Amino acid sequence: MGMYQHLCNEDELASLLAHEVGHILISKRTGWPRNTFEECREEEYQADLLAVELAEKASYDPTALGQLHWRTMGYRYRAGESIFQDDSSSIHPSHLKRIFNLNLNSEPCFDQ
């Protein structure tokens, strides 16, 4: 079930599916398989960024993926897990690192 169990609305579903489509687009562009652990982790960050872009182009809330990561991190924290979990052995970066990456690489969402 993964993150699917934490979805609250259609925007989050669209973002999660867009993340998976992002993996497909990246694989078509760069080839498969990834050669290193670092390449796998970088692909996760890239798929997150593509998910935001694809969701927004499809008129879904571009912040939905970040909100989903925040909420999932909150659930895990309330279950006794640290938000600073050791993710060094997983190709999936922690939710906190993914939120940071989304914020670092996203365009401002307000009018100037």
PDB file of N, CA and C in Angstrom:
ATOM      1  N   MET A   1       0.823  -1.200   0.000  1.00  0.00           N
ATOM      2  CA  MET A   1       0.000   0.000   0.000  1.00  0.00           C
ATOM      3  C   MET A   1       0.863   1.259   0.000  1.00  0.00           C
ATOM      4  N   GLY A   2       2.011   1.221   0.648  1.00  0.00           N
ATOM      5  CA  GLY A   2       2.895   2.383   0.648  1.00  0.00           C
ATOM      6  C   GLY A   2       2.183   3.656   1.053  1.00  0.00           C
ATOM      7  N   MET A   3       2.458   4.729   0.325  1.00  0.00           N
ATOM      8  CA  MET A   3       1.880   6.025   0.658  1.00  0.00           C
ATOM      9  C   MET A   3       0.406   6.108   0.288  1.00  0.00           C
ATOM     10  N   TYR A   4      -0.088   5.167  -0.495  1.00  0.00           N
ATOM     11  CA  TYR A   4      -1.483   5.196  -0.927  1.00  0.00           C
ATOM     12  C   TYR A   4      -2.444   5.275   0.262  1.00  0.00           C
ATOM     13  N   GLN A   5      -2.080   4.617   1.351  1.00  0.00           N
ATOM     14  CA  GLN A   5      -2.955   4.602   2.518  1.00  0.00           C
ATOM     15  C   GLN A   5      -3.094   5.970   3.170  1.00  0.00           C
ATOM     16  N   HIS A   6      -2.220   6.900   2.856  1.00  0.00           N
ATOM     17  CA  HIS A   6      -2.246   8.223   3.473  1.00  0.00           C
ATOM     18  C   HIS A   6      -2.896   9.297   2.594  1.00  0.00           C
ATOM     19  N   LEU A   7      -3.347   8.924   1.400  1.00  0.00           N
ATOM     20  CA  LEU A   7      -3.924   9.912   0.491  1.00  0.00           C
ATOM     21  C   LEU A   7      -5.233  10.459   1.045  1.00  0.00           C
ATOM     22  N   CYS A   8      -5.404  11.788   0.922  1.00  0.00           N
ATOM     23  CA  CYS A   8      -6.618  12.430   1.423  1.00  0.00           C
ATOM     24  C   CYS A   8      -7.485  13.023   0.328  1.00  0.00           C
ATOM     25  N   ASN A   9      -6.928  13.188  -0.870  1.00  0.00           N
ATOM     26  CA  ASN A   9      -7.725  13.808  -1.931  1.00  0.00           C
ATOM     27  C   ASN A   9      -7.147  13.454  -3.304  1.00  0.00           C
ATOM     28  N   GLU A  10      -7.862  13.881  -4.326  1.00  0.00           N
ATOM     29  CA  GLU A  10      -7.481  13.583  -5.709  1.00  0.00           C
ATOM     30  C   GLU A  10      -6.157  14.241  -6.101  1.00  0.00           C
ATOM     31  N   ASP A  11      -5.873  15.419  -5.547  1.00  0.00           N
ATOM     32  CA  ASP A  11      -4.609  16.096  -5.851  1.00  0.00           C
ATOM     33  C   ASP A  11      -3.420  15.248  -5.400  1.00  0.00           C
ATOM     34  N   GLU A  12      -3.533  14.659  -4.226  1.00  0.00           N
ATOM     35  CA  GLU A  12      -2.454  13.816  -3.721  1.00  0.00           C
ATOM     36  C   GLU A  12      -2.314  12.544  -4.548  1.00  0.00           C
ATOM     37  N   LEU A  13      -3.431  11.965  -4.943  1.00  0.00           N
ATOM     38  CA  LEU A  13      -3.374  10.783  -5.807  1.00  0.00           C
ATOM     39  C   LEU A  13      -2.704  11.130  -7.127  1.00  0.00           C
ATOM     40  N   ALA A  14      -3.091  12.258  -7.719  1.00  0.00           N
ATOM     41  CA  ALA A  14      -2.485  12.689  -8.985  1.00  0.00           C
ATOM     42  C   ALA A  14      -0.986  12.896  -8.820  1.00  0.00           C
ATOM     43  N   SER A  15      -0.567  13.484  -7.711  1.00  0.00           N
ATOM     44  CA  SER A  15       0.858  13.721  -7.470  1.00  0.00           C
ATOM     45  C   SER A  15       1.630  12.426  -7.297  1.00  0.00           C
ATOM     46  N   LEU A  16       1.028  11.485  -6.574  1.00  0.00           N
ATOM     47  CA  LEU A  16       1.693  10.205  -6.359  1.00  0.00           C
ATOM     48  C   LEU A  16       1.831   9.436  -7.670  1.00  0.00           C
ATOM     49  N   LEU A  17       0.770   9.425  -8.473  1.00  0.00           N
ATOM     50  CA  LEU A  17       0.843   8.767  -9.776  1.00  0.00           C
ATOM     51  C   LEU A  17       1.816   9.490 -10.705  1.00  0.00           C
ATOM     52  N   ALA A  18       1.846  10.822 -10.634  1.00  0.00           N
ATOM     53  CA  ALA A  18       2.782  11.597 -11.449  1.00  0.00           C
ATOM     54  C   ALA A  18       4.228  11.282 -11.062  1.00  0.00           C
ATOM     55  N   HIS A  19       4.469  11.015  -9.789  1.00  0.00           N
ATOM     56  CA  HIS A  19       5.814  10.612  -9.351  1.00  0.00           C
ATOM     57  C   HIS A  19       6.226   9.318 -10.052  1.00  0.00           C
ATOM     58  N   GLU A  20       5.315   8.361 -10.110  1.00  0.00           N
ATOM     59  CA  GLU A  20       5.625   7.084 -10.770  1.00  0.00           C
ATOM     60  C   GLU A  20       5.797   7.273 -12.274  1.00  0.00           C
ATOM     61  N   VAL A  21       4.992   8.121 -12.884  1.00  0.00           N
ATOM     62  CA  VAL A  21       5.174   8.450 -14.304  1.00  0.00           C
ATOM     63  C   VAL A  21       6.529   9.127 -14.497  1.00  0.00           C
ATOM     64  N   GLY A  22       6.930   9.940 -13.525  1.00  0.00           N
ATOM     65  CA  GLY A  22       8.248  10.575 -13.581  1.00  0.00           C
ATOM     66  C   GLY A  22       9.363   9.550 -13.705  1.00  0.00           C
ATOM     67  N   HIS A  23       9.250   8.447 -12.971  1.00  0.00           N
ATOM     68  CA  HIS A  23      10.254   7.377 -13.086  1.00  0.00           C
ATOM     69  C   HIS A  23      10.300   6.829 -14.510  1.00  0.00           C
ATOM     70  N   ILE A  24       9.143   6.652 -15.117  1.00  0.00           N
ATOM     71  CA  ILE A  24       9.089   6.134 -16.483  1.00  0.00           C
ATOM     72  C   ILE A  24       9.741   7.119 -17.449  1.00  0.00           C
ATOM     73  N   LEU A  25       9.425   8.395 -17.317  1.00  0.00           N
ATOM     74  CA  LEU A  25      10.013   9.410 -18.196  1.00  0.00           C
ATOM     75  C   LEU A  25      11.526   9.487 -18.031  1.00  0.00           C
ATOM     76  N   ILE A  26      11.987   9.413 -16.803  1.00  0.00           N
ATOM     77  CA  ILE A  26      13.435   9.460 -16.539  1.00  0.00           C
ATOM     78  C   ILE A  26      14.111   8.235 -17.159  1.00  0.00           C
ATOM     79  N   SER A  27      13.496   7.066 -17.013  1.00  0.00           N
ATOM     80  CA  SER A  27      14.069   5.842 -17.580  1.00  0.00           C
ATOM     81  C   SER A  27      14.141   5.908 -19.099  1.00  0.00           C
ATOM     82  N   LYS A  28      13.117   6.485 -19.719  1.00  0.00           N
ATOM     83  CA  LYS A  28      13.135   6.616 -21.182  1.00  0.00           C
ATOM     84  C   LYS A  28      14.239   7.563 -21.633  1.00  0.00           C
ATOM     85  N   ARG A  29      14.506   8.580 -20.819  1.00  0.00           N
ATOM     86  CA  ARG A  29      15.503   9.583 -21.181  1.00  0.00           C
ATOM     87  C   ARG A  29      16.926   9.106 -20.897  1.00  0.00           C
ATOM     88  N   THR A  30      17.113   8.420 -19.765  1.00  0.00           N
ATOM     89  CA  THR A  30      18.472   8.094 -19.338  1.00  0.00           C
ATOM     90  C   THR A  30      18.816   6.615 -19.435  1.00  0.00           C
ATOM     91  N   GLY A  31      17.824   5.778 -19.668  1.00  0.00           N
ATOM     92  CA  GLY A  31      18.085   4.347 -19.710  1.00  0.00           C
ATOM     93  C   GLY A  31      17.943   3.703 -18.353  1.00  0.00           C
ATOM     94  N   TRP A  32      17.941   2.408 -18.369  1.00  0.00           N
ATOM     95  CA  TRP A  32      17.760   1.627 -17.150  1.00  0.00           C
ATOM     96  C   TRP A  32      18.716   0.469 -17.175  1.00  0.00           C
ATOM     97  N   PRO A  33      19.250  -0.031 -16.142  1.00  0.00           N
ATOM     98  CA  PRO A  33      19.027   0.320 -14.744  1.00  0.00           C
ATOM     99  C   PRO A  33      20.000   1.379 -14.262  1.00  0.00           C
ATOM    100  N   ARG A  34      19.750   1.873 -13.075  1.00  0.00           N
ATOM    101  CA  ARG A  34      20.683   2.800 -12.424  1.00  0.00           C
ATOM    102  C   ARG A  34      21.903   1.997 -12.015  1.00  0.00           C
ATOM    103  N   ASN A  35      23.048   2.639 -12.095  1.00  0.00           N
ATOM    104  CA  ASN A  35      24.291   1.929 -11.794  1.00  0.00           C
ATOM    105  C   ASN A  35      24.733   2.062 -10.348  1.00  0.00           C
ATOM    106  N   THR A  36      24.362   3.147  -9.701  1.00  0.00           N
ATOM    107  CA  THR A  36      24.836   3.363  -8.334  1.00  0.00           C
ATOM    108  C   THR A  36      23.680   3.721  -7.412  1.00  0.00           C
ATOM    109  N   PHE A  37      23.931   3.559  -6.148  1.00  0.00           N
ATOM    110  CA  PHE A  37      22.973   3.931  -5.114  1.00  0.00           C
ATOM    111  C   PHE A  37      22.636   5.421  -5.217  1.00  0.00           C
ATOM    112  N   GLU A  38      23.651   6.237  -5.449  1.00  0.00           N
ATOM    113  CA  GLU A  38      23.452   7.682  -5.549  1.00  0.00           C
ATOM    114  C   GLU A  38      22.550   8.037  -6.736  1.00  0.00           C
ATOM    115  N   GLU A  39      22.699   7.327  -7.861  1.00  0.00           N
ATOM    116  CA  GLU A  39      21.840   7.579  -9.022  1.00  0.00           C
ATOM    117  C   GLU A  39      20.385   7.228  -8.718  1.00  0.00           C
ATOM    118  N   CYS A  40      20.182   6.158  -7.968  1.00  0.00           N
ATOM    119  CA  CYS A  40      18.817   5.774  -7.592  1.00  0.00           C
ATOM    120  C   CYS A  40      18.180   6.833  -6.716  1.00  0.00           C
ATOM    121  N   ARG A  41      18.936   7.336  -5.752  1.00  0.00           N
ATOM    122  CA  ARG A  41      18.397   8.379  -4.863  1.00  0.00           C
ATOM    123  C   ARG A  41      18.127   9.669  -5.634  1.00  0.00           C
ATOM    124  N   GLU A  42      19.028  10.014  -6.529  1.00  0.00           N
ATOM    125  CA  GLU A  42      18.828  11.224  -7.329  1.00  0.00           C
ATOM    126  C   GLU A  42      17.583  11.091  -8.198  1.00  0.00           C
ATOM    127  N   GLU A  43      17.335   9.905  -8.701  1.00  0.00           N
ATOM    128  CA  GLU A  43      16.133   9.700  -9.507  1.00  0.00           C
ATOM    129  C   GLU A  43      14.871   9.931  -8.671  1.00  0.00           C
ATOM    130  N   GLU A  44      14.886   9.546  -7.412  1.00  0.00           N
ATOM    131  CA  GLU A  44      13.732   9.798  -6.543  1.00  0.00           C
ATOM    132  C   GLU A  44      13.458  11.297  -6.428  1.00  0.00           C
ATOM    133  N   TYR A  45      14.513  12.067  -6.230  1.00  0.00           N
ATOM    134  CA  TYR A  45      14.349  13.527  -6.155  1.00  0.00           C
ATOM    135  C   TYR A  45      13.815  14.082  -7.478  1.00  0.00           C
ATOM    136  N   GLN A  46      14.358  13.604  -8.591  1.00  0.00           N
ATOM    137  CA  GLN A  46      13.907  14.072  -9.905  1.00  0.00           C
ATOM    138  C   GLN A  46      12.458  13.683 -10.169  1.00  0.00           C
ATOM    139  N   ALA A  47      12.074  12.470  -9.771  1.00  0.00           N
ATOM    140  CA  ALA A  47      10.692  12.030  -9.963  1.00  0.00           C
ATOM    141  C   ALA A  47       9.733  12.884  -9.128  1.00  0.00           C
ATOM    142  N   ASP A  48      10.155  13.302  -7.941  1.00  0.00           N
ATOM    143  CA  ASP A  48       9.339  14.203  -7.135  1.00  0.00           C
ATOM    144  C   ASP A  48       9.132  15.534  -7.853  1.00  0.00           C
ATOM    145  N   LEU A  49      10.206  16.093  -8.398  1.00  0.00           N
ATOM    146  CA  LEU A  49      10.103  17.371  -9.095  1.00  0.00           C
ATOM    147  C   LEU A  49       9.237  17.253 -10.348  1.00  0.00           C
ATOM    148  N   LEU A  50       9.388  16.163 -11.076  1.00  0.00           N
ATOM    149  CA  LEU A  50       8.528  15.930 -12.239  1.00  0.00           C
ATOM    150  C   LEU A  50       7.064  15.781 -11.822  1.00  0.00           C
ATOM    151  N   ALA A  51       6.829  15.150 -10.689  1.00  0.00           N
ATOM    152  CA  ALA A  51       5.457  14.974 -10.203  1.00  0.00           C
ATOM    153  C   ALA A  51       4.791  16.317  -9.956  1.00  0.00           C
ATOM    154  N   VAL A  52       5.523  17.244  -9.365  1.00  0.00           N
ATOM    155  CA  VAL A  52       4.974  18.581  -9.121  1.00  0.00           C
ATOM    156  C   VAL A  52       4.643  19.256 -10.454  1.00  0.00           C
ATOM    157  N   GLU A  53       5.569  19.168 -11.397  1.00  0.00           N
ATOM    158  CA  GLU A  53       5.363  19.781 -12.711  1.00  0.00           C
ATOM    159  C   GLU A  53       4.179  19.161 -13.455  1.00  0.00           C
ATOM    160  N   LEU A  54       4.123  17.833 -13.472  1.00  0.00           N
ATOM    161  CA  LEU A  54       3.037  17.146 -14.181  1.00  0.00           C
ATOM    162  C   LEU A  54       1.682  17.408 -13.524  1.00  0.00           C
ATOM    163  N   ALA A  55       1.656  17.394 -12.202  1.00  0.00           N
ATOM    164  CA  ALA A  55       0.395  17.651 -11.493  1.00  0.00           C
ATOM    165  C   ALA A  55      -0.110  19.059 -11.788  1.00  0.00           C
ATOM    166  N   GLU A  56       0.789  20.009 -11.762  1.00  0.00           N
ATOM    167  CA  GLU A  56       0.381  21.392 -12.035  1.00  0.00           C
ATOM    168  C   GLU A  56      -0.122  21.546 -13.471  1.00  0.00           C
ATOM    169  N   LYS A  57       0.559  20.922 -14.422  1.00  0.00           N
ATOM    170  CA  LYS A  57       0.124  20.994 -15.821  1.00  0.00           C
ATOM    171  C   LYS A  57      -1.254  20.360 -16.012  1.00  0.00           C
ATOM    172  N   ALA A  58      -1.606  19.401 -15.168  1.00  0.00           N
ATOM    173  CA  ALA A  58      -2.907  18.747 -15.255  1.00  0.00           C
ATOM    174  C   ALA A  58      -3.948  19.435 -14.357  1.00  0.00           C
ATOM    175  N   SER A  59      -3.612  20.620 -13.878  1.00  0.00           N
ATOM    176  CA  SER A  59      -4.499  21.445 -13.037  1.00  0.00           C
ATOM    177  C   SER A  59      -4.768  20.862 -11.657  1.00  0.00           C
ATOM    178  N   TYR A  60      -3.802  20.100 -11.135  1.00  0.00           N
ATOM    179  CA  TYR A  60      -3.879  19.641  -9.752  1.00  0.00           C
ATOM    180  C   TYR A  60      -2.983  20.539  -8.903  1.00  0.00           C
ATOM    181  N   ASP A  61      -3.192  20.481  -7.609  1.00  0.00           N
ATOM    182  CA  ASP A  61      -2.428  21.298  -6.665  1.00  0.00           C
ATOM    183  C   ASP A  61      -0.959  20.873  -6.682  1.00  0.00           C
ATOM    184  N   PRO A  62      -0.050  21.772  -7.077  1.00  0.00           N
ATOM    185  CA  PRO A  62       1.367  21.394  -7.149  1.00  0.00           C
ATOM    186  C   PRO A  62       2.014  21.188  -5.776  1.00  0.00           C
ATOM    187  N   THR A  63       1.338  21.613  -4.718  1.00  0.00           N
ATOM    188  CA  THR A  63       1.902  21.416  -3.374  1.00  0.00           C
ATOM    189  C   THR A  63       1.445  20.101  -2.734  1.00  0.00           C
ATOM    190  N   ALA A  64       0.598  19.354  -3.422  1.00  0.00           N
ATOM    191  CA  ALA A  64       0.002  18.149  -2.836  1.00  0.00           C
ATOM    192  C   ALA A  64       1.038  17.093  -2.461  1.00  0.00           C
ATOM    193  N   LEU A  65       2.074  16.915  -3.278  1.00  0.00           N
ATOM    194  CA  LEU A  65       3.081  15.892  -2.964  1.00  0.00           C
ATOM    195  C   LEU A  65       3.833  16.264  -1.689  1.00  0.00           C
ATOM    196  N   GLY A  66       4.190  17.520  -1.562  1.00  0.00           N
ATOM    197  CA  GLY A  66       4.858  17.966  -0.336  1.00  0.00           C
ATOM    198  C   GLY A  66       3.974  17.796   0.883  1.00  0.00           C
ATOM    199  N   GLN A  67       2.688  18.112   0.741  1.00  0.00           N
ATOM    200  CA  GLN A  67       1.745  17.939   1.849  1.00  0.00           C
ATOM    201  C   GLN A  67       1.635  16.467   2.242  1.00  0.00           C
ATOM    202  N   LEU A  68       1.635  15.607   1.253  1.00  0.00           N
ATOM    203  CA  LEU A  68       1.569  14.169   1.523  1.00  0.00           C
ATOM    204  C   LEU A  68       2.809  13.704   2.285  1.00  0.00           C
ATOM    205  N   HIS A  69       3.977  14.191   1.870  1.00  0.00           N
ATOM    206  CA  HIS A  69       5.208  13.828   2.594  1.00  0.00           C
ATOM    207  C   HIS A  69       5.163  14.351   4.032  1.00  0.00           C
ATOM    208  N   TRP A  70       4.686  15.580   4.230  1.00  0.00           N
ATOM    209  CA  TRP A  70       4.584  16.142   5.586  1.00  0.00           C
ATOM    210  C   TRP A  70       3.679  15.283   6.457  1.00  0.00           C
ATOM    211  N   ARG A  71       2.504  14.953   5.941  1.00  0.00           N
ATOM    212  CA  ARG A  71       1.546  14.198   6.725  1.00  0.00           C
ATOM    213  C   ARG A  71       2.084  12.798   7.040  1.00  0.00           C
ATOM    214  N   THR A  72       2.686  12.128   6.062  1.00  0.00           N
ATOM    215  CA  THR A  72       3.243  10.795   6.288  1.00  0.00           C
ATOM    216  C   THR A  72       4.345  10.852   7.339  1.00  0.00           C
ATOM    217  N   MET A  73       5.164  11.893   7.269  1.00  0.00           N
ATOM    218  CA  MET A  73       6.216  12.065   8.266  1.00  0.00           C
ATOM    219  C   MET A  73       5.597  12.277   9.650  1.00  0.00           C
ATOM    220  N   GLY A  74       4.502  13.036   9.709  1.00  0.00           N
ATOM    221  CA  GLY A  74       3.816  13.254  10.980  1.00  0.00           C
ATOM    222  C   GLY A  74       3.241  11.978  11.560  1.00  0.00           C
ATOM    223  N   TYR A  75       2.654  11.136  10.706  1.00  0.00           N
ATOM    224  CA  TYR A  75       2.134   9.851  11.168  1.00  0.00           C
ATOM    225  C   TYR A  75       3.255   9.006  11.764  1.00  0.00           C
ATOM    226  N   ARG A  76       4.355   8.984  11.091  1.00  0.00           N
ATOM    227  CA  ARG A  76       5.483   8.171  11.578  1.00  0.00           C
ATOM    228  C   ARG A  76       6.048   8.727  12.877  1.00  0.00           C
ATOM    229  N   TYR A  77       6.080  10.047  12.992  1.00  0.00           N
ATOM    230  CA  TYR A  77       6.565  10.680  14.221  1.00  0.00           C
ATOM    231  C   TYR A  77       5.653  10.316  15.398  1.00  0.00           C
ATOM    232  N   ARG A  78       4.336  10.402  15.156  1.00  0.00           N
ATOM    233  CA  ARG A  78       3.386  10.055  16.219  1.00  0.00           C
ATOM    234  C   ARG A  78       3.462   8.569  16.580  1.00  0.00           C
ATOM    235  N   ALA A  79       3.948   7.754  15.670  1.00  0.00           N
ATOM    236  CA  ALA A  79       4.118   6.321  15.940  1.00  0.00           C
ATOM    237  C   ALA A  79       5.440   6.035  16.647  1.00  0.00           C
ATOM    238  N   GLY A  80       6.195   7.093  16.946  1.00  0.00           N
ATOM    239  CA  GLY A  80       7.435   6.918  17.691  1.00  0.00           C
ATOM    240  C   GLY A  80       8.702   6.929  16.857  1.00  0.00           C
ATOM    241  N   GLU A  81       8.576   7.108  15.557  1.00  0.00           N
ATOM    242  CA  GLU A  81       9.765   7.163  14.704  1.00  0.00           C
ATOM    243  C   GLU A  81      10.331   8.578  14.681  1.00  0.00           C
ATOM    244  N   SER A  82      11.609   8.695  14.454  1.00  0.00           N
ATOM    245  CA  SER A  82      12.260  10.002  14.358  1.00  0.00           C
ATOM    246  C   SER A  82      12.075  10.567  12.955  1.00  0.00           C
ATOM    247  N   ILE A  83      11.858  11.879  12.859  1.00  0.00           N
ATOM    248  CA  ILE A  83      11.790  12.507  11.541  1.00  0.00           C
ATOM    249  C   ILE A  83      13.184  12.604  10.932  1.00  0.00           C
ATOM    250  N   PHE A  84      14.201  12.346  11.743  1.00  0.00           N
ATOM    251  CA  PHE A  84      15.583  12.360  11.275  1.00  0.00           C
ATOM    252  C   PHE A  84      16.090  10.935  11.091  1.00  0.00           C
ATOM    253  N   GLN A  85      15.201  10.055  10.619  1.00  0.00           N
ATOM    254  CA  GLN A  85      15.532   8.643  10.483  1.00  0.00           C
ATOM    255  C   GLN A  85      16.755   8.435   9.593  1.00  0.00           C
ATOM    256  N   ASP A  86      17.466   7.369   9.861  1.00  0.00           N
ATOM    257  CA  ASP A  86      18.618   7.007   9.040  1.00  0.00           C
ATOM    258  C   ASP A  86      18.107   6.374   7.748  1.00  0.00           C
ATOM    259  N   ASP A  87      18.293   7.087   6.650  1.00  0.00           N
ATOM    260  CA  ASP A  87      17.843   6.574   5.356  1.00  0.00           C
ATOM    261  C   ASP A  87      19.024   6.165   4.479  1.00  0.00           C
ATOM    262  N   SER A  88      20.165   5.988   5.091  1.00  0.00           N
ATOM    263  CA  SER A  88      21.390   5.744   4.327  1.00  0.00           C
ATOM    264  C   SER A  88      21.411   4.396   3.607  1.00  0.00           C
ATOM    265  N   SER A  89      20.530   3.480   3.979  1.00  0.00           N
ATOM    266  CA  SER A  89      20.521   2.182   3.299  1.00  0.00           C
ATOM    267  C   SER A  89      19.327   2.017   2.361  1.00  0.00           C
ATOM    268  N   SER A  90      18.592   3.095   2.131  1.00  0.00           N
ATOM    269  CA  SER A  90      17.410   3.036   1.273  1.00  0.00           C
ATOM    270  C   SER A  90      17.599   3.930   0.049  1.00  0.00           C
ATOM    271  N   ILE A  91      17.102   3.465  -1.096  1.00  0.00           N
ATOM    272  CA  ILE A  91      17.165   4.332  -2.276  1.00  0.00           C
ATOM    273  C   ILE A  91      16.131   5.445  -2.180  1.00  0.00           C
ATOM    274  N   HIS A  92      15.178   5.325  -1.250  1.00  0.00           N
ATOM    275  CA  HIS A  92      14.191   6.377  -1.045  1.00  0.00           C
ATOM    276  C   HIS A  92      14.675   7.308   0.069  1.00  0.00           C
ATOM    277  N   PRO A  93      14.955   8.560  -0.262  1.00  0.00           N
ATOM    278  CA  PRO A  93      15.354   9.512   0.781  1.00  0.00           C
ATOM    279  C   PRO A  93      14.231   9.699   1.795  1.00  0.00           C
ATOM    280  N   SER A  94      14.576  10.182   2.960  1.00  0.00           N
ATOM    281  CA  SER A  94      13.569  10.420   3.991  1.00  0.00           C
ATOM    282  C   SER A  94      12.559  11.460   3.504  1.00  0.00           C
ATOM    283  N   HIS A  95      11.395  11.453   4.129  1.00  0.00           N
ATOM    284  CA  HIS A  95      10.372  12.437   3.771  1.00  0.00           C
ATOM    285  C   HIS A  95      10.900  13.856   3.988  1.00  0.00           C
ATOM    286  N   LEU A  96      11.641  14.056   5.066  1.00  0.00           N
ATOM    287  CA  LEU A  96      12.176  15.382   5.356  1.00  0.00           C
ATOM    288  C   LEU A  96      13.124  15.857   4.255  1.00  0.00           C
ATOM    289  N   LYS A  97      13.996  14.978   3.788  1.00  0.00           N
ATOM    290  CA  LYS A  97      14.925  15.348   2.710  1.00  0.00           C
ATOM    291  C   LYS A  97      14.177  15.613   1.412  1.00  0.00           C
ATOM    292  N   ARG A  98      13.110  14.870   1.169  1.00  0.00           N
ATOM    293  CA  ARG A  98      12.338  15.076  -0.062  1.00  0.00           C
ATOM    294  C   ARG A  98      11.587  16.398  -0.008  1.00  0.00           C
ATOM    295  N   ILE A  99      11.042  16.740   1.152  1.00  0.00           N
ATOM    296  CA  ILE A  99      10.370  18.032   1.312  1.00  0.00           C
ATOM    297  C   ILE A  99      11.371  19.157   1.095  1.00  0.00           C
ATOM    298  N   PHE A 100      12.545  19.022   1.693  1.00  0.00           N
ATOM    299  CA  PHE A 100      13.590  20.036   1.529  1.00  0.00           C
ATOM    300  C   PHE A 100      13.946  20.195   0.053  1.00  0.00           C
ATOM    301  N   ASN A 101      14.120  19.093  -0.658  1.00  0.00           N
ATOM    302  CA  ASN A 101      14.460  19.143  -2.080  1.00  0.00           C
ATOM    303  C   ASN A 101      13.352  19.789  -2.903  1.00  0.00           C
ATOM    304  N   LEU A 102      12.103  19.459  -2.598  1.00  0.00           N
ATOM    305  CA  LEU A 102      10.985  20.072  -3.314  1.00  0.00           C
ATOM    306  C   LEU A 102      10.971  21.584  -3.104  1.00  0.00           C
ATOM    307  N   ASN A 103      11.184  22.015  -1.876  1.00  0.00           N
ATOM    308  CA  ASN A 103      11.177  23.443  -1.590  1.00  0.00           C
ATOM    309  C   ASN A 103      12.382  24.156  -2.192  1.00  0.00           C
ATOM    310  N   LEU A 104      13.511  23.507  -2.181  1.00  0.00           N
ATOM    311  CA  LEU A 104      14.739  24.101  -2.722  1.00  0.00           C
ATOM    312  C   LEU A 104      14.661  24.295  -4.229  1.00  0.00           C
ATOM    313  N   ASN A 105      13.979  23.389  -4.922  1.00  0.00           N
ATOM    314  CA  ASN A 105      13.976  23.396  -6.380  1.00  0.00           C
ATOM    315  C   ASN A 105      12.660  23.814  -7.003  1.00  0.00           C
ATOM    316  N   SER A 106      11.734  24.327  -6.207  1.00  0.00           N
ATOM    317  CA  SER A 106      10.432  24.745  -6.738  1.00  0.00           C
ATOM    318  C   SER A 106      10.383  26.248  -6.953  1.00  0.00           C
ATOM    319  N   GLU A 107       9.536  26.631  -7.877  1.00  0.00           N
ATOM    320  CA  GLU A 107       9.293  28.050  -8.118  1.00  0.00           C
ATOM    321  C   GLU A 107       8.382  28.579  -7.013  1.00  0.00           C
ATOM    322  N   PRO A 108       8.507  29.856  -6.665  1.00  0.00           N
ATOM    323  CA  PRO A 108       7.582  30.430  -5.672  1.00  0.00           C
ATOM    324  C   PRO A 108       6.139  30.314  -6.160  1.00  0.00           C
ATOM    325  N   CYS A 109       5.215  30.065  -5.261  1.00  0.00           N
ATOM    326  CA  CYS A 109       3.811  29.874  -5.619  1.00  0.00           C
ATOM    327  C   CYS A 109       2.974  31.136  -5.381  1.00  0.00           C
ATOM    328  N   PHE A 110       3.609  32.288  -5.305  1.00  0.00           N
ATOM    329  CA  PHE A 110       2.862  33.510  -5.067  1.00  0.00           C
ATOM    330  C   PHE A 110       3.176  34.525  -6.156  1.00  0.00           C
ATOM    331  N   ASP A 111       2.263  35.451  -6.352  1.00  0.00           N
ATOM    332  CA  ASP A 111       2.461  36.510  -7.347  1.00  0.00           C
ATOM    333  C   ASP A 111       3.464  37.524  -6.825  1.00  0.00           C
ATOM    334  N   GLN A 112       4.246  38.051  -7.739  1.00  0.00           N
ATOM    335  CA  GLN A 112       5.247  39.041  -7.326  1.00  0.00           C
ATOM    336  C   GLN A 112       4.786  40.432  -7.669  1.00  0.00           C
TER     337      GLN A 112
END
